[in-house]
Amino acid sequence: MKAGRSRGWRAAAALAVLAMVSAAGALAPVGASATDSDLKHAFAFRLDGSNGYSIVALAANERADGRGEVVLFVSRGNEGAIYMAPAVLTATSVEADLGLLGEISLDVIPSGREKEIRSGCGGEPETTRIEPQRFRGNFEFHGEEGYTDAVTDAPREYTQFFLWLVCDGVGGGETTEGSLPGARLKLHARNGPNRLELQANKNRPGARSRFEVEVHEERGKMRISRSTSLWAGAQAFQYDPLLRTATLDPPAPFAGEARFSRGATPANRWAGNLTVDLPGRSNVRLSSAGTRATLIHAKL
């Protein structure tokens, strides 16, 4: 028996940030230098985008010359995109060039007071005292294909984000065992630094279906991850008891369908016209050449 983790939008967001600051050992108080960490500065703020999207930004650095990264989490419901780009931070400023997507040029203004923030993770609550900041200047973001836009001269501070990052229990569990009635179909495709992953789960033939898609790209100095997840009816993912064949026919934002055939040659094992629309990138093909597919018994 093997246990795994389900990666949804929020799990992907947490992993992206933790990867960015993992070398620091611990998160510093917002806007301050940490005495037990190499992290020099860390700021978090949020704002509303168009079309129902919200944007949360984290900027952090570990270097004396101020060079670091900014991460933008653009989300709506169970879909979102994460953008990681170079940034320059000081105790009083955040600067980042997002190319065609926009720019960040903000002054950081300390409030001169402290407040206590508390996590909502459950169990033993996490608390810390921080000095709130205000942000003034220019924040501009224009999502690809016009999926969202956001412009402001005063994004809102979001210090609670730092405690949210360290909450336990991100994601869900998965068990894989040959005797289980459920199934997991997984796709993987890679083209240089870019990769695509899809996972479909059902706990038994008549149960509802779960779909998760992630696409990871590199554009110059920027890294982008896009994802969506949804629950659908039993007909969206069907398979035979011996897992020789399976079909995917999920609803929007998917279109088309695809089929897995274990007895086919590796190049023809996964075929169809299945696509998905992700934030900033529509009509992503999920059955292109080089896509690897696996089908095993599993329980989500």
Protein backbone atom coordinates (compact mmCIF):
# COMPACT_ATOMS: atom_id res chain seq x y z
CA MET A 1 0.00 0.00 0.00
CA LYS A 2 1.31 3.45 -0.87
CA ALA A 3 0.10 6.81 0.41
CA GLY A 4 0.35 9.98 -1.65
CA ARG A 5 -0.77 13.61 -1.72
CA SER A 6 -3.37 15.38 -3.78
CA ARG A 7 -2.13 18.64 -5.26
CA GLY A 8 -4.81 21.27 -5.61
CA TRP A 9 -4.50 25.00 -6.29
CA ARG A 10 -3.83 25.93 -2.65
CA ALA A 11 -1.30 23.13 -2.21
CA ALA A 12 0.56 24.28 -5.31
CA ALA A 13 0.59 27.85 -4.01
CA ALA A 14 2.08 26.83 -0.67
CA LEU A 15 4.71 24.65 -2.31
CA ALA A 16 5.76 27.47 -4.64
CA VAL A 17 6.41 29.84 -1.77
CA LEU A 18 8.06 27.29 0.46
CA ALA A 19 10.42 26.44 -2.39
CA MET A 20 11.30 30.12 -2.75
CA VAL A 21 12.19 30.61 0.91
CA SER A 22 13.35 27.10 1.88
CA ALA A 23 16.99 28.13 2.06
CA ALA A 24 16.10 30.81 4.61
CA GLY A 25 15.24 28.28 7.30
CA ALA A 26 12.36 30.36 8.70
CA LEU A 27 10.14 33.22 7.67
CA ALA A 28 11.16 36.63 8.93
CA PRO A 29 8.67 39.04 10.48
CA VAL A 30 7.08 41.13 7.77
CA GLY A 31 9.26 44.01 6.65
CA ALA A 32 12.08 43.16 9.07
CA SER A 33 15.38 41.32 9.12
CA ALA A 34 15.32 37.97 10.95
CA THR A 35 17.94 37.18 13.56
CA ASP A 36 17.59 33.39 13.14
CA SER A 37 17.28 33.33 9.36
CA ASP A 38 19.07 34.47 6.20
CA LEU A 39 15.84 36.06 4.94
CA LYS A 40 16.42 39.83 4.75
CA HIS A 41 12.97 41.17 3.89
CA ALA A 42 9.52 39.69 3.27
CA PHE A 43 6.34 41.58 2.33
CA ALA A 44 2.86 40.30 1.50
CA PHE A 45 -0.07 42.24 0.04
CA ARG A 46 -3.26 41.62 -1.90
CA LEU A 47 -5.70 43.28 -4.29
CA ASP A 48 -8.70 42.48 -6.45
CA GLY A 49 -8.39 41.73 -10.15
CA SER A 50 -11.10 41.86 -12.80
CA ASN A 51 -13.39 38.94 -13.69
CA GLY A 52 -13.60 37.76 -10.07
CA TYR A 53 -9.91 36.99 -9.58
CA SER A 54 -7.93 37.97 -6.49
CA ILE A 55 -4.18 38.54 -6.35
CA VAL A 56 -1.90 37.86 -3.40
CA ALA A 57 1.76 38.86 -3.71
CA LEU A 58 4.76 37.76 -1.68
CA ALA A 59 8.14 39.46 -2.15
CA ALA A 60 11.23 38.17 -0.32
CA ASN A 61 15.01 38.20 -0.53
CA GLU A 62 18.03 36.70 1.21
CA ARG A 63 20.84 38.74 -0.40
CA ALA A 64 22.58 41.84 0.84
CA ASP A 65 22.30 43.42 -2.64
CA GLY A 66 18.50 43.26 -2.39
CA ARG A 67 17.92 40.80 -5.21
CA GLY A 68 15.09 38.37 -4.52
CA GLU A 69 11.78 37.19 -5.98
CA VAL A 70 8.16 38.18 -6.11
CA VAL A 71 5.42 35.56 -6.33
CA LEU A 72 1.94 36.47 -7.53
CA PHE A 73 -0.95 34.12 -6.74
CA VAL A 74 -3.87 34.89 -9.06
CA SER A 75 -6.89 32.80 -8.14
CA ARG A 76 -10.62 32.39 -8.58
CA GLY A 77 -12.33 29.45 -6.91
CA ASN A 78 -10.42 26.27 -7.73
CA GLU A 79 -8.37 27.72 -10.56
CA GLY A 80 -5.36 29.97 -10.55
CA ALA A 81 -1.92 30.91 -11.82
CA ILE A 82 1.35 31.50 -9.96
CA TYR A 83 4.00 33.86 -11.33
CA MET A 84 7.56 33.95 -9.93
CA ALA A 85 9.81 36.76 -11.14
CA PRO A 86 13.02 38.52 -10.03
CA ALA A 87 12.58 41.49 -7.69
CA VAL A 88 14.71 43.97 -5.76
CA LEU A 89 13.77 44.65 -2.14
CA THR A 90 14.95 47.01 0.56
CA ALA A 91 13.43 47.78 3.93
CA THR A 92 11.38 50.51 2.24
CA SER A 93 10.74 49.37 -1.35
CA VAL A 94 9.75 46.55 -3.72
CA GLU A 95 10.62 46.71 -7.43
CA ALA A 96 9.87 44.09 -10.12
CA ASP A 97 9.63 44.20 -13.91
CA LEU A 98 6.95 41.76 -15.12
CA GLY A 99 7.55 42.51 -18.81
CA LEU A 100 4.36 42.53 -20.87
CA LEU A 101 2.41 41.49 -17.79
CA GLY A 102 3.08 44.69 -15.82
CA GLU A 103 5.30 46.06 -13.09
CA ILE A 104 5.63 46.54 -9.34
CA SER A 105 7.13 49.73 -7.93
CA LEU A 106 6.07 50.22 -4.32
CA ASP A 107 7.28 52.16 -1.31
CA VAL A 108 6.99 50.28 1.99
CA ILE A 109 5.87 52.53 4.84
CA PRO A 110 6.21 51.14 8.39
CA SER A 111 3.29 51.86 10.70
CA GLY A 112 5.41 52.35 13.83
CA ARG A 113 3.27 49.94 15.87
CA GLU A 114 2.97 46.20 16.41
CA LYS A 115 0.06 43.80 16.20
CA GLU A 116 -0.38 40.12 16.92
CA ILE A 117 -1.54 37.78 14.17
CA ARG A 118 -2.84 34.27 14.78
CA SER A 119 -3.12 31.34 12.39
CA GLY A 120 -6.39 29.55 11.71
CA CYS A 121 -4.79 26.14 11.20
CA GLY A 122 -6.47 24.38 14.11
CA GLY A 123 -4.71 22.50 16.89
CA GLU A 124 -2.14 24.63 18.69
CA PRO A 125 -2.55 28.11 17.17
CA GLU A 126 0.49 29.91 15.77
CA THR A 127 0.93 33.55 16.76
CA THR A 128 3.55 36.19 16.09
CA ARG A 129 3.90 39.94 16.51
CA ILE A 130 4.66 42.05 13.47
CA GLU A 131 4.82 45.70 12.47
CA PRO A 132 2.13 46.37 9.85
CA GLN A 133 3.18 48.06 6.63
CA ARG A 134 1.48 50.29 4.10
CA PHE A 135 2.29 50.12 0.39
CA ARG A 136 2.22 53.12 -1.95
CA GLY A 137 3.31 53.46 -5.57
CA ASN A 138 2.32 51.40 -8.61
CA PHE A 139 1.15 47.82 -9.01
CA GLU A 140 0.07 46.76 -12.49
CA PHE A 141 -0.77 43.26 -13.73
CA HIS A 142 -2.36 42.22 -17.04
CA GLY A 143 -3.09 38.51 -17.33
CA GLU A 144 -2.46 36.75 -20.63
CA GLU A 145 -5.43 36.51 -22.99
CA GLY A 146 -7.12 39.19 -20.85
CA TYR A 147 -8.27 36.79 -18.14
CA THR A 148 -7.75 39.44 -15.44
CA ASP A 149 -6.33 42.94 -14.91
CA ALA A 150 -5.35 44.78 -11.75
CA VAL A 151 -3.98 48.29 -11.26
CA THR A 152 -3.62 50.10 -7.92
CA ASP A 153 -1.42 52.61 -6.12
CA ALA A 154 -2.12 51.12 -2.68
CA PRO A 155 -2.38 47.30 -2.39
CA ARG A 156 -3.60 46.03 0.97
CA GLU A 157 -1.20 44.47 3.45
CA TYR A 158 -1.71 40.71 3.94
CA THR A 159 0.46 39.65 6.87
CA GLN A 160 -1.83 36.69 7.69
CA PHE A 161 -0.43 35.05 4.58
CA PHE A 162 2.82 34.20 6.38
CA LEU A 163 1.01 32.10 8.98
CA TRP A 164 -1.19 30.48 6.33
CA LEU A 165 1.96 29.15 4.64
CA VAL A 166 2.98 27.03 7.60
CA CYS A 167 -0.45 25.51 8.29
CA ASP A 168 -0.39 21.73 8.41
CA GLY A 169 -2.58 19.52 6.27
CA VAL A 170 -2.18 21.11 2.82
CA GLY A 171 -3.58 18.71 0.24
CA GLY A 172 -5.33 15.38 0.66
CA GLY A 173 -4.30 11.74 0.89
CA GLU A 174 -4.30 9.00 -1.73
CA THR A 175 -3.87 5.24 -1.34
CA THR A 176 -2.79 2.96 -4.18
CA GLU A 177 -3.46 -0.77 -3.92
CA GLY A 178 -4.35 -3.41 -6.49
CA SER A 179 -7.46 -4.61 -4.65
CA LEU A 180 -9.16 -1.20 -4.51
CA PRO A 181 -12.25 -0.62 -6.71
CA GLY A 182 -11.19 2.94 -7.54
CA ALA A 183 -8.76 4.17 -10.17
CA ARG A 184 -6.31 6.96 -10.89
CA LEU A 185 -5.39 8.02 -14.40
CA LYS A 186 -2.33 10.23 -14.59
CA LEU A 187 -0.80 12.10 -17.52
CA HIS A 188 2.66 13.60 -17.77
CA ALA A 189 4.26 15.52 -20.64
CA ARG A 190 7.52 17.45 -20.70
CA ASN A 191 9.08 19.78 -23.25
CA GLY A 192 12.35 21.23 -21.93
CA PRO A 193 11.55 23.23 -18.78
CA ASN A 194 7.82 23.14 -19.51
CA ARG A 195 5.65 20.32 -18.22
CA LEU A 196 2.01 19.29 -18.00
CA GLU A 197 0.31 16.98 -15.52
CA LEU A 198 -3.27 15.76 -15.24
CA GLN A 199 -4.73 13.46 -12.60
CA ALA A 200 -8.21 11.92 -12.60
CA ASN A 201 -9.54 9.91 -9.62
CA LYS A 202 -12.61 7.83 -8.78
CA ASN A 203 -13.04 5.74 -5.64
CA ARG A 204 -15.38 3.26 -7.34
CA PRO A 205 -17.00 2.95 -10.79
CA GLY A 206 -20.22 4.73 -9.79
CA ALA A 207 -18.61 7.50 -7.74
CA ARG A 208 -18.05 11.07 -8.82
CA SER A 209 -14.82 11.98 -10.62
CA ARG A 210 -12.04 14.31 -9.49
CA PHE A 211 -9.78 16.16 -11.97
CA GLU A 212 -6.64 18.22 -11.37
CA VAL A 213 -4.45 19.82 -14.04
CA GLU A 214 -1.16 21.69 -13.67
CA VAL A 215 0.94 23.35 -16.39
CA HIS A 216 4.40 24.72 -15.60
CA GLU A 217 6.24 27.11 -17.94
CA GLU A 218 9.37 29.25 -18.11
CA ARG A 219 9.36 32.55 -19.99
CA GLY A 220 12.74 34.19 -19.78
CA LYS A 221 13.34 34.90 -16.10
CA MET A 222 9.71 34.27 -15.15
CA ARG A 223 8.27 30.93 -14.01
CA ILE A 224 4.53 30.34 -14.35
CA SER A 225 2.29 27.58 -13.01
CA ARG A 226 -1.37 27.31 -13.96
CA SER A 227 -3.87 24.91 -12.46
CA THR A 228 -7.50 23.99 -12.15
CA SER A 229 -9.44 21.30 -10.29
CA LEU A 230 -13.04 20.13 -10.23
CA TRP A 231 -15.46 17.40 -9.23
CA ALA A 232 -17.63 15.90 -11.96
CA GLY A 233 -20.14 13.09 -12.37
CA ALA A 234 -19.35 9.41 -12.71
CA GLN A 235 -19.56 9.51 -16.52
CA ALA A 236 -16.65 11.96 -16.77
CA PHE A 237 -14.13 9.21 -15.93
CA GLN A 238 -14.93 5.61 -16.82
CA TYR A 239 -12.80 2.47 -16.71
CA ASP A 240 -13.20 -1.30 -16.85
CA PRO A 241 -12.58 -3.38 -13.69
CA LEU A 242 -9.25 -4.74 -14.95
CA LEU A 243 -8.04 -1.24 -15.92
CA ARG A 244 -7.39 -2.21 -19.51
CA THR A 245 -9.21 0.86 -20.85
CA ALA A 246 -10.46 4.20 -19.57
CA THR A 247 -12.11 7.29 -21.02
CA LEU A 248 -12.12 10.91 -19.87
CA ASP A 249 -14.99 13.21 -20.88
CA PRO A 250 -15.02 15.97 -18.21
CA PRO A 251 -17.11 19.17 -18.34
CA ALA A 252 -15.88 22.75 -18.78
CA PRO A 253 -13.26 24.10 -18.55
CA PHE A 254 -12.39 20.86 -20.39
CA ALA A 255 -13.51 20.10 -23.94
CA GLY A 256 -13.35 16.95 -26.03
CA GLU A 257 -12.48 13.49 -24.73
CA ALA A 258 -9.58 11.02 -24.63
CA ARG A 259 -9.09 7.27 -24.20
CA PHE A 260 -6.50 5.08 -22.49
CA SER A 261 -5.84 1.63 -24.03
CA ARG A 262 -3.34 -0.53 -22.18
CA GLY A 263 -3.03 -3.01 -25.06
CA ALA A 264 -1.99 -0.36 -27.59
CA THR A 265 1.59 0.54 -28.43
CA PRO A 266 3.12 3.11 -26.04
CA ALA A 267 2.77 5.86 -28.66
CA ASN A 268 -0.97 5.12 -29.07
CA ARG A 269 -1.88 4.23 -25.49
CA TRP A 270 -3.34 7.70 -24.87
CA ALA A 271 -5.27 9.42 -27.68
CA GLY A 272 -8.08 11.88 -28.26
CA ASN A 273 -8.89 15.57 -28.58
CA LEU A 274 -9.13 16.52 -24.88
CA THR A 275 -8.22 20.14 -24.04
CA VAL A 276 -8.54 22.43 -21.02
CA ASP A 277 -8.77 26.20 -20.51
CA LEU A 278 -6.48 27.52 -17.78
CA PRO A 279 -6.06 31.09 -16.50
CA GLY A 280 -4.04 32.91 -19.16
CA ARG A 281 -3.79 29.91 -21.49
CA SER A 282 -6.77 28.41 -23.29
CA ASN A 283 -7.11 25.22 -25.35
CA VAL A 284 -4.20 23.39 -23.72
CA ARG A 285 -3.93 20.01 -25.43
CA LEU A 286 -3.97 17.01 -23.09
CA SER A 287 -3.31 14.35 -25.70
CA SER A 288 -0.32 15.64 -27.65
CA ALA A 289 2.61 13.52 -28.83
CA GLY A 290 4.91 12.47 -26.01
CA THR A 291 2.21 12.44 -23.33
CA ARG A 292 2.70 9.49 -20.98
CA ALA A 293 -0.37 7.96 -19.32
CA THR A 294 -0.67 5.51 -16.42
CA LEU A 295 -3.77 3.86 -14.95
CA ILE A 296 -3.71 2.16 -11.53
CA HIS A 297 -6.09 1.20 -8.71
CA ALA A 298 -6.32 3.99 -6.12
CA LYS A 299 -8.49 5.68 -3.49
CA LEU A 300 -8.50 9.44 -2.98
